[in-house]
Amino acid sequence: MMAPRSRPAIHRARDRQASYALDVSSVVHPVTSDDNHSRVVQPARYESERPDVQPHIPLDARRILDLGCCTGGLGAALKRRQDATVLGVEIDRDFAAQARTRLDRVVTSDVELFLAGAAPAEAPFDCLIAADVLEHLIDPWLALARAVDLLRPGATVVVSLPNVACFEAIRLLLRSGHWPREDTGVFDRTHLRWFTLDDGLDLLRQAGLRPTAVEPRYGNPVGWRLLWRQVAANTPLHRFLPPQYIFRAVKDAAPGAVPDR
């Protein structure tokens, strides 16, 4: 008989809301904000200090890798909070230039090409952040596995992903009959991959990680949307409520953990 598997915590609605070894100039294809319309029109939260992500970063993390660091707001906030070296990776030249004034080092690169290169001098890292970035990659499964190789045993990984199974996304699809393509949100036109709650957990596990917590993010629903969330939060429908999940996982822990459903 198989031993019961441990379950990471899942926070329900009632709970809360130096130089780089690789010559990147020869292999990466950075863009400017003018070339990348989707990044220009992103809401402020994409360039913010990400107060939703910060609580998931361990206070004792001393070396942090932030993939898709934007203008470095999150990394800068973490450096103020704790003694940490933050390496950022950002494809947008303008965003990377701003981040470079706030973080210890920033590589202007496509994330997948960066991860396919030599390990940076700062490795191994205590914490990996991939906040709203993996869904933009061609092969997020391989990218995450390569990123995990840059972490020390016991390191923390924090990933945020849009939930394509959220009610609002399904409603838009049913109403229009077309796959929505929008400037922001779940149906951001630059998304190449799509994830549900279970897909996100599978993404972590295939990279050799043990999920330890899942936090659904709801935004600020009002009216009937707030009522719907309150009614459905403690039912099997809870997985259709949040437009986004934040996952926390640990490297080199027991495989196969399953979250509460």
C-alpha atoms as a PDB file:
ATOM      1  CA  MET A   1       0.000   0.000   0.000  1.00  0.00           C
ATOM      2  CA  MET A   2       1.299   3.403  -0.931  1.00  0.00           C
ATOM      3  CA  ALA A   3       1.951   5.863   1.872  1.00  0.00           C
ATOM      4  CA  PRO A   4      -0.411   8.867   1.920  1.00  0.00           C
ATOM      5  CA  ARG A   5       1.001  11.895   0.173  1.00  0.00           C
ATOM      6  CA  SER A   6       1.392  15.233   1.896  1.00  0.00           C
ATOM      7  CA  ARG A   7      -0.780  18.105   0.751  1.00  0.00           C
ATOM      8  CA  PRO A   8       0.362  21.699   0.313  1.00  0.00           C
ATOM      9  CA  ALA A   9      -1.868  24.361   1.744  1.00  0.00           C
ATOM     10  CA  ILE A  10      -4.351  26.035  -0.572  1.00  0.00           C
ATOM     11  CA  HIS A  11      -5.730  29.319   0.699  1.00  0.00           C
ATOM     12  CA  ARG A  12      -9.467  29.524   0.103  1.00  0.00           C
ATOM     13  CA  ALA A  13     -11.512  32.701  -0.302  1.00  0.00           C
ATOM     14  CA  ARG A  14     -12.316  32.830   3.366  1.00  0.00           C
ATOM     15  CA  ASP A  15      -8.644  33.031   4.311  1.00  0.00           C
ATOM     16  CA  ARG A  16      -7.573  36.144   2.366  1.00  0.00           C
ATOM     17  CA  GLN A  17      -7.178  37.567  -0.222  1.00  0.00           C
ATOM     18  CA  ALA A  18      29.850  41.261 -12.683  1.00  0.00           C
ATOM     19  CA  SER A  19      29.520  39.907 -16.201  1.00  0.00           C
ATOM     20  CA  TYR A  20      27.503  37.078 -17.530  1.00  0.00           C
ATOM     21  CA  ALA A  21      29.413  33.968 -18.636  1.00  0.00           C
ATOM     22  CA  LEU A  22      27.411  33.709 -21.867  1.00  0.00           C
ATOM     23  CA  ASP A  23      27.829  36.447 -24.460  1.00  0.00           C
ATOM     24  CA  VAL A  24      24.126  37.230 -24.536  1.00  0.00           C
ATOM     25  CA  SER A  25      24.480  39.846 -27.240  1.00  0.00           C
ATOM     26  CA  SER A  26      25.078  37.084 -29.740  1.00  0.00           C
ATOM     27  CA  VAL A  27      22.098  34.926 -28.836  1.00  0.00           C
ATOM     28  CA  VAL A  28      19.286  37.052 -27.447  1.00  0.00           C
ATOM     29  CA  HIS A  29      16.802  39.200 -29.279  1.00  0.00           C
ATOM     30  CA  PRO A  30      15.806  42.015 -26.925  1.00  0.00           C
ATOM     31  CA  VAL A  31      12.995  44.354 -27.844  1.00  0.00           C
ATOM     32  CA  THR A  32      12.071  47.899 -26.963  1.00  0.00           C
ATOM     33  CA  SER A  33       8.793  49.017 -25.479  1.00  0.00           C
ATOM     34  CA  ASP A  34       7.908  50.643 -28.795  1.00  0.00           C
ATOM     35  CA  ASP A  35       8.353  47.278 -30.507  1.00  0.00           C
ATOM     36  CA  ASN A  36       6.254  45.404 -27.985  1.00  0.00           C
ATOM     37  CA  HIS A  37       2.762  46.880 -27.855  1.00  0.00           C
ATOM     38  CA  SER A  38       1.527  44.421 -25.285  1.00  0.00           C
ATOM     39  CA  ARG A  39       4.130  45.511 -22.751  1.00  0.00           C
ATOM     40  CA  VAL A  40       3.314  49.184 -23.302  1.00  0.00           C
ATOM     41  CA  VAL A  41      -0.350  48.734 -22.470  1.00  0.00           C
ATOM     42  CA  GLN A  42       0.077  46.409 -19.489  1.00  0.00           C
ATOM     43  CA  PRO A  43      -1.515  47.730 -16.298  1.00  0.00           C
ATOM     44  CA  ALA A  44       0.611  49.167 -13.531  1.00  0.00           C
ATOM     45  CA  ARG A  45       0.604  45.924 -11.549  1.00  0.00           C
ATOM     46  CA  TYR A  46       2.984  44.356 -14.067  1.00  0.00           C
ATOM     47  CA  GLU A  47       5.556  47.008 -13.249  1.00  0.00           C
ATOM     48  CA  SER A  48       4.711  47.215  -9.544  1.00  0.00           C
ATOM     49  CA  GLU A  49       6.387  45.925  -6.405  1.00  0.00           C
ATOM     50  CA  ARG A  50       3.959  42.985  -6.491  1.00  0.00           C
ATOM     51  CA  PRO A  51       2.680  43.033  -2.903  1.00  0.00           C
ATOM     52  CA  ASP A  52       0.785  39.847  -3.758  1.00  0.00           C
ATOM     53  CA  VAL A  53       4.036  37.979  -4.461  1.00  0.00           C
ATOM     54  CA  GLN A  54       6.257  39.422  -1.719  1.00  0.00           C
ATOM     55  CA  PRO A  55       4.768  37.400   1.185  1.00  0.00           C
ATOM     56  CA  HIS A  56       5.733  34.169  -0.569  1.00  0.00           C
ATOM     57  CA  ILE A  57       9.442  35.080  -0.739  1.00  0.00           C
ATOM     58  CA  PRO A  58      11.382  33.722   2.269  1.00  0.00           C
ATOM     59  CA  LEU A  59      12.901  36.387   4.486  1.00  0.00           C
ATOM     60  CA  ASP A  60      16.153  34.434   4.603  1.00  0.00           C
ATOM     61  CA  ALA A  61      16.589  34.240   0.810  1.00  0.00           C
ATOM     62  CA  ARG A  62      19.945  35.844   0.034  1.00  0.00           C
ATOM     63  CA  ARG A  63      20.282  35.140  -3.708  1.00  0.00           C
ATOM     64  CA  ILE A  64      17.163  35.637  -5.804  1.00  0.00           C
ATOM     65  CA  LEU A  65      16.583  35.063  -9.518  1.00  0.00           C
ATOM     66  CA  ASP A  66      13.682  37.108 -10.919  1.00  0.00           C
ATOM     67  CA  LEU A  67      12.632  35.969 -14.404  1.00  0.00           C
ATOM     68  CA  GLY A  68      10.783  38.669 -16.318  1.00  0.00           C
ATOM     69  CA  CYS A  69      11.702  41.302 -13.750  1.00  0.00           C
ATOM     70  CA  CYS A  70      10.122  44.223 -15.692  1.00  0.00           C
ATOM     71  CA  THR A  71      11.384  47.482 -14.188  1.00  0.00           C
ATOM     72  CA  GLY A  72      12.690  45.775 -11.045  1.00  0.00           C
ATOM     73  CA  GLY A  73       9.981  46.923  -8.667  1.00  0.00           C
ATOM     74  CA  LEU A  74       9.579  43.574  -6.916  1.00  0.00           C
ATOM     75  CA  GLY A  75      13.304  42.967  -6.588  1.00  0.00           C
ATOM     76  CA  ALA A  76      13.869  46.486  -5.265  1.00  0.00           C
ATOM     77  CA  ALA A  77      11.193  45.958  -2.617  1.00  0.00           C
ATOM     78  CA  LEU A  78      12.795  42.686  -1.567  1.00  0.00           C
ATOM     79  CA  LYS A  79      16.225  44.338  -1.309  1.00  0.00           C
ATOM     80  CA  ARG A  80      14.763  46.973   1.006  1.00  0.00           C
ATOM     81  CA  ARG A  81      13.132  44.271   3.099  1.00  0.00           C
ATOM     82  CA  GLN A  82      16.073  41.927   3.431  1.00  0.00           C
ATOM     83  CA  ASP A  83      19.763  41.536   2.650  1.00  0.00           C
ATOM     84  CA  ALA A  84      19.526  39.948  -0.810  1.00  0.00           C
ATOM     85  CA  THR A  85      21.295  39.929  -4.148  1.00  0.00           C
ATOM     86  CA  VAL A  86      18.752  40.008  -6.976  1.00  0.00           C
ATOM     87  CA  LEU A  87      19.540  39.009 -10.560  1.00  0.00           C
ATOM     88  CA  GLY A  88      16.839  40.030 -13.012  1.00  0.00           C
ATOM     89  CA  VAL A  89      16.166  38.797 -16.527  1.00  0.00           C
ATOM     90  CA  GLU A  90      14.096  41.039 -18.796  1.00  0.00           C
ATOM     91  CA  ILE A  91      13.573  41.013 -22.574  1.00  0.00           C
ATOM     92  CA  ASP A  92      12.426  44.628 -22.909  1.00  0.00           C
ATOM     93  CA  ARG A  93      15.421  46.966 -23.261  1.00  0.00           C
ATOM     94  CA  ASP A  94      13.699  49.959 -21.675  1.00  0.00           C
ATOM     95  CA  PHE A  95      12.376  47.994 -18.723  1.00  0.00           C
ATOM     96  CA  ALA A  96      15.762  46.321 -18.247  1.00  0.00           C
ATOM     97  CA  ALA A  97      17.483  49.715 -18.219  1.00  0.00           C
ATOM     98  CA  GLN A  98      15.206  50.873 -15.397  1.00  0.00           C
ATOM     99  CA  ALA A  99      15.640  47.613 -13.506  1.00  0.00           C
ATOM    100  CA  ARG A 100      19.398  47.941 -13.782  1.00  0.00           C
ATOM    101  CA  THR A 101      19.252  51.013 -11.539  1.00  0.00           C
ATOM    102  CA  ARG A 102      17.433  49.056  -8.830  1.00  0.00           C
ATOM    103  CA  LEU A 103      18.775  45.498  -8.878  1.00  0.00           C
ATOM    104  CA  ASP A 104      22.256  44.043  -8.468  1.00  0.00           C
ATOM    105  CA  ARG A 105      22.415  42.875 -12.070  1.00  0.00           C
ATOM    106  CA  VAL A 106      20.023  42.609 -14.994  1.00  0.00           C
ATOM    107  CA  VAL A 107      20.448  40.512 -18.140  1.00  0.00           C
ATOM    108  CA  THR A 108      18.559  41.800 -21.176  1.00  0.00           C
ATOM    109  CA  SER A 109      17.448  38.530 -22.692  1.00  0.00           C
ATOM    110  CA  ASP A 110      14.642  36.249 -23.665  1.00  0.00           C
ATOM    111  CA  VAL A 111      14.082  34.054 -20.601  1.00  0.00           C
ATOM    112  CA  GLU A 112      14.339  30.777 -22.505  1.00  0.00           C
ATOM    113  CA  LEU A 113      17.606  31.745 -24.177  1.00  0.00           C
ATOM    114  CA  PHE A 114      19.027  32.913 -20.854  1.00  0.00           C
ATOM    115  CA  LEU A 115      18.181  29.585 -19.234  1.00  0.00           C
ATOM    116  CA  ALA A 116      19.696  27.653 -22.147  1.00  0.00           C
ATOM    117  CA  GLY A 117      23.046  29.347 -21.536  1.00  0.00           C
ATOM    118  CA  ALA A 118      25.722  28.949 -18.903  1.00  0.00           C
ATOM    119  CA  ALA A 119      24.789  29.298 -15.263  1.00  0.00           C
ATOM    120  CA  PRO A 120      25.204  32.887 -13.993  1.00  0.00           C
ATOM    121  CA  ALA A 121      27.881  33.689 -11.448  1.00  0.00           C
ATOM    122  CA  GLU A 122      25.221  34.308  -8.760  1.00  0.00           C
ATOM    123  CA  ALA A 123      23.997  30.684  -8.824  1.00  0.00           C
ATOM    124  CA  PRO A 124      22.977  28.682  -6.913  1.00  0.00           C
ATOM    125  CA  PHE A 125      19.956  30.735  -5.872  1.00  0.00           C
ATOM    126  CA  ASP A 126      17.865  30.537  -2.724  1.00  0.00           C
ATOM    127  CA  CYS A 127      14.692  31.670  -4.466  1.00  0.00           C
ATOM    128  CA  LEU A 128      13.287  31.739  -7.996  1.00  0.00           C
ATOM    129  CA  ILE A 129      10.504  34.127  -9.009  1.00  0.00           C
ATOM    130  CA  ALA A 130       8.520  33.674 -12.212  1.00  0.00           C
ATOM    131  CA  ALA A 131       5.618  36.081 -11.805  1.00  0.00           C
ATOM    132  CA  ASP A 132       3.345  36.180 -14.854  1.00  0.00           C
ATOM    133  CA  VAL A 133       6.090  35.096 -17.222  1.00  0.00           C
ATOM    134  CA  LEU A 134       5.903  31.350 -17.911  1.00  0.00           C
ATOM    135  CA  GLU A 135       2.674  31.644 -19.899  1.00  0.00           C
ATOM    136  CA  HIS A 136       4.559  33.825 -22.402  1.00  0.00           C
ATOM    137  CA  LEU A 137       7.186  31.173 -23.168  1.00  0.00           C
ATOM    138  CA  ILE A 138       7.315  28.598 -25.954  1.00  0.00           C
ATOM    139  CA  ASP A 139       8.256  25.761 -23.593  1.00  0.00           C
ATOM    140  CA  PRO A 140       7.595  26.800 -19.990  1.00  0.00           C
ATOM    141  CA  TRP A 141       8.061  23.202 -18.801  1.00  0.00           C
ATOM    142  CA  LEU A 142      11.648  23.028 -20.042  1.00  0.00           C
ATOM    143  CA  ALA A 143      12.340  26.620 -18.973  1.00  0.00           C
ATOM    144  CA  LEU A 144      11.210  25.961 -15.410  1.00  0.00           C
ATOM    145  CA  ALA A 145      13.209  22.728 -15.202  1.00  0.00           C
ATOM    146  CA  ARG A 146      16.324  24.582 -16.345  1.00  0.00           C
ATOM    147  CA  ALA A 147      15.684  27.359 -13.842  1.00  0.00           C
ATOM    148  CA  VAL A 148      15.345  24.806 -11.041  1.00  0.00           C
ATOM    149  CA  ASP A 149      18.810  23.506 -11.936  1.00  0.00           C
ATOM    150  CA  LEU A 150      20.135  26.918 -10.872  1.00  0.00           C
ATOM    151  CA  LEU A 151      18.713  26.554  -7.341  1.00  0.00           C
ATOM    152  CA  ARG A 152      20.251  25.093  -4.223  1.00  0.00           C
ATOM    153  CA  PRO A 153      18.491  22.144  -2.549  1.00  0.00           C
ATOM    154  CA  GLY A 154      15.652  23.417  -0.389  1.00  0.00           C
ATOM    155  CA  ALA A 155      15.237  26.628  -2.400  1.00  0.00           C
ATOM    156  CA  THR A 156      11.821  28.235  -2.816  1.00  0.00           C
ATOM    157  CA  VAL A 157      10.079  28.784  -6.154  1.00  0.00           C
ATOM    158  CA  VAL A 158       7.255  31.306  -6.543  1.00  0.00           C
ATOM    159  CA  VAL A 159       5.208  31.220  -9.742  1.00  0.00           C
ATOM    160  CA  SER A 160       2.090  33.168 -10.663  1.00  0.00           C
ATOM    161  CA  LEU A 161      -0.088  32.036 -13.556  1.00  0.00           C
ATOM    162  CA  PRO A 162      -3.419  33.139 -15.031  1.00  0.00           C
ATOM    163  CA  ASN A 163      -6.264  30.643 -14.615  1.00  0.00           C
ATOM    164  CA  VAL A 164      -7.787  29.958 -18.017  1.00  0.00           C
ATOM    165  CA  ALA A 165     -10.611  28.031 -16.316  1.00  0.00           C
ATOM    166  CA  CYS A 166     -11.892  31.027 -14.365  1.00  0.00           C
ATOM    167  CA  PHE A 167     -15.566  31.812 -14.762  1.00  0.00           C
ATOM    168  CA  GLU A 168     -14.985  35.192 -16.373  1.00  0.00           C
ATOM    169  CA  ALA A 169     -12.800  33.619 -19.060  1.00  0.00           C
ATOM    170  CA  ILE A 170     -15.356  30.906 -19.773  1.00  0.00           C
ATOM    171  CA  ARG A 171     -18.151  33.488 -19.896  1.00  0.00           C
ATOM    172  CA  LEU A 172     -16.283  35.555 -22.474  1.00  0.00           C
ATOM    173  CA  LEU A 173     -15.646  32.483 -24.593  1.00  0.00           C
ATOM    174  CA  LEU A 174     -19.253  31.314 -24.479  1.00  0.00           C
ATOM    175  CA  ARG A 175     -20.640  34.765 -25.169  1.00  0.00           C
ATOM    176  CA  SER A 176     -18.485  35.542 -28.183  1.00  0.00           C
ATOM    177  CA  GLY A 177     -17.890  32.133 -29.699  1.00  0.00           C
ATOM    178  CA  HIS A 178     -14.300  33.195 -30.326  1.00  0.00           C
ATOM    179  CA  TRP A 179     -11.108  32.798 -28.357  1.00  0.00           C
ATOM    180  CA  PRO A 180     -10.658  36.269 -26.825  1.00  0.00           C
ATOM    181  CA  ARG A 181      -7.446  38.156 -27.501  1.00  0.00           C
ATOM    182  CA  GLU A 182      -7.025  41.088 -25.165  1.00  0.00           C
ATOM    183  CA  ASP A 183      -4.286  43.471 -24.114  1.00  0.00           C
ATOM    184  CA  THR A 184      -4.243  42.252 -20.506  1.00  0.00           C
ATOM    185  CA  GLY A 185      -5.557  39.533 -18.242  1.00  0.00           C
ATOM    186  CA  VAL A 186      -6.211  35.847 -18.777  1.00  0.00           C
ATOM    187  CA  PHE A 187      -6.579  36.293 -22.532  1.00  0.00           C
ATOM    188  CA  ASP A 188      -3.525  38.514 -22.998  1.00  0.00           C
ATOM    189  CA  ARG A 189      -2.733  38.201 -26.691  1.00  0.00           C
ATOM    190  CA  THR A 190       0.939  37.497 -25.925  1.00  0.00           C
ATOM    191  CA  HIS A 191       0.169  34.340 -23.919  1.00  0.00           C
ATOM    192  CA  LEU A 192       1.429  31.223 -25.665  1.00  0.00           C
ATOM    193  CA  ARG A 193       0.447  28.671 -23.012  1.00  0.00           C
ATOM    194  CA  TRP A 194      -2.631  28.265 -20.853  1.00  0.00           C
ATOM    195  CA  PHE A 195      -2.964  26.816 -17.369  1.00  0.00           C
ATOM    196  CA  THR A 196      -5.617  25.686 -14.918  1.00  0.00           C
ATOM    197  CA  LEU A 197      -4.979  24.947 -11.243  1.00  0.00           C
ATOM    198  CA  ASP A 198      -4.017  21.339 -11.980  1.00  0.00           C
ATOM    199  CA  ASP A 199      -1.876  22.371 -14.961  1.00  0.00           C
ATOM    200  CA  GLY A 200       0.065  24.746 -12.731  1.00  0.00           C
ATOM    201  CA  LEU A 201       0.709  22.028 -10.164  1.00  0.00           C
ATOM    202  CA  ASP A 202       1.810  19.619 -12.890  1.00  0.00           C
ATOM    203  CA  LEU A 203       4.170  22.280 -14.249  1.00  0.00           C
ATOM    204  CA  LEU A 204       5.887  22.504 -10.875  1.00  0.00           C
ATOM    205  CA  ARG A 205       6.091  18.767 -10.294  1.00  0.00           C
ATOM    206  CA  GLN A 206       7.574  17.913 -13.684  1.00  0.00           C
ATOM    207  CA  ALA A 207      10.388  20.365 -12.872  1.00  0.00           C
ATOM    208  CA  GLY A 208      11.231  18.395  -9.734  1.00  0.00           C
ATOM    209  CA  LEU A 209       9.423  20.677  -7.292  1.00  0.00           C
ATOM    210  CA  ARG A 210       7.067  19.959  -4.402  1.00  0.00           C
ATOM    211  CA  PRO A 211       4.145  22.408  -4.262  1.00  0.00           C
ATOM    212  CA  THR A 212       3.641  23.692  -0.725  1.00  0.00           C
ATOM    213  CA  ALA A 213       1.000  26.410  -1.110  1.00  0.00           C
ATOM    214  CA  VAL A 214      -1.455  27.779  -3.641  1.00  0.00           C
ATOM    215  CA  GLU A 215      -3.020  31.207  -3.253  1.00  0.00           C
ATOM    216  CA  PRO A 216      -5.962  32.144  -5.487  1.00  0.00           C
ATOM    217  CA  ARG A 217      -6.072  35.819  -6.463  1.00  0.00           C
ATOM    218  CA  TYR A 218      -9.488  37.356  -7.077  1.00  0.00           C
ATOM    219  CA  GLY A 219      -8.882  41.017  -7.749  1.00  0.00           C
ATOM    220  CA  ASN A 220     -11.677  43.143  -6.283  1.00  0.00           C
ATOM    221  CA  PRO A 221     -15.020  41.581  -7.243  1.00  0.00           C
ATOM    222  CA  VAL A 222     -18.194  43.549  -6.509  1.00  0.00           C
ATOM    223  CA  GLY A 223     -21.920  42.980  -6.904  1.00  0.00           C
ATOM    224  CA  TRP A 224     -22.990  39.601  -8.256  1.00  0.00           C
ATOM    225  CA  ARG A 225     -19.362  38.596  -8.817  1.00  0.00           C
ATOM    226  CA  LEU A 226     -18.637  39.014  -5.106  1.00  0.00           C
ATOM    227  CA  LEU A 227     -21.775  37.031  -4.224  1.00  0.00           C
ATOM    228  CA  TRP A 228     -20.800  34.271  -6.644  1.00  0.00           C
ATOM    229  CA  ARG A 229     -17.365  34.041  -5.088  1.00  0.00           C
ATOM    230  CA  GLN A 230     -18.747  33.884  -1.544  1.00  0.00           C
ATOM    231  CA  VAL A 231     -21.221  31.141  -2.435  1.00  0.00           C
ATOM    232  CA  ALA A 232     -18.866  29.000  -4.508  1.00  0.00           C
ATOM    233  CA  ALA A 233     -15.609  29.432  -2.580  1.00  0.00           C
ATOM    234  CA  ASN A 234     -16.079  26.314  -0.444  1.00  0.00           C
ATOM    235  CA  THR A 235     -17.506  24.085  -3.151  1.00  0.00           C
ATOM    236  CA  PRO A 236     -15.867  22.134  -5.999  1.00  0.00           C
ATOM    237  CA  LEU A 237     -16.503  25.257  -8.084  1.00  0.00           C
ATOM    238  CA  HIS A 238     -13.734  27.130  -6.245  1.00  0.00           C
ATOM    239  CA  ARG A 239     -11.280  26.378  -9.060  1.00  0.00           C
ATOM    240  CA  PHE A 240     -13.400  28.450 -11.455  1.00  0.00           C
ATOM    241  CA  LEU A 241     -13.303  31.605  -9.320  1.00  0.00           C
ATOM    242  CA  PRO A 242      -9.813  33.158  -9.390  1.00  0.00           C
ATOM    243  CA  PRO A 243      -8.354  34.659 -12.569  1.00  0.00           C
ATOM    244  CA  GLN A 244      -4.877  34.006 -11.168  1.00  0.00           C
ATOM    245  CA  TYR A 245      -3.007  31.620  -8.872  1.00  0.00           C
ATOM    246  CA  ILE A 246       0.236  32.127  -6.995  1.00  0.00           C
ATOM    247  CA  PHE A 247       2.088  28.866  -6.400  1.00  0.00           C
ATOM    248  CA  ARG A 248       4.869  28.271  -3.903  1.00  0.00           C
ATOM    249  CA  ALA A 249       7.075  25.181  -4.148  1.00  0.00           C
ATOM    250  CA  VAL A 250      10.315  23.737  -2.794  1.00  0.00           C
ATOM    251  CA  LYS A 251      13.166  22.045  -4.650  1.00  0.00           C
ATOM    252  CA  ASP A 252      14.284  18.529  -3.783  1.00  0.00           C
ATOM    253  CA  ALA A 253      11.406  17.650  -1.493  1.00  0.00           C
ATOM    254  CA  ALA A 254       9.314  14.506  -1.599  1.00  0.00           C
ATOM    255  CA  PRO A 255       7.667  14.238  -5.044  1.00  0.00           C
ATOM    256  CA  GLY A 256       3.994  13.858  -5.743  1.00  0.00           C
ATOM    257  CA  ALA A 257       2.377  16.209  -3.237  1.00  0.00           C
ATOM    258  CA  VAL A 258      -1.273  16.920  -3.945  1.00  0.00           C
ATOM    259  CA  PRO A 259      -3.054  20.094  -2.796  1.00  0.00           C
ATOM    260  CA  ASP A 260      -6.450  20.222  -1.132  1.00  0.00           C
ATOM    261  CA  ARG A 261      -9.205  20.417  -3.679  1.00  0.00           C
END
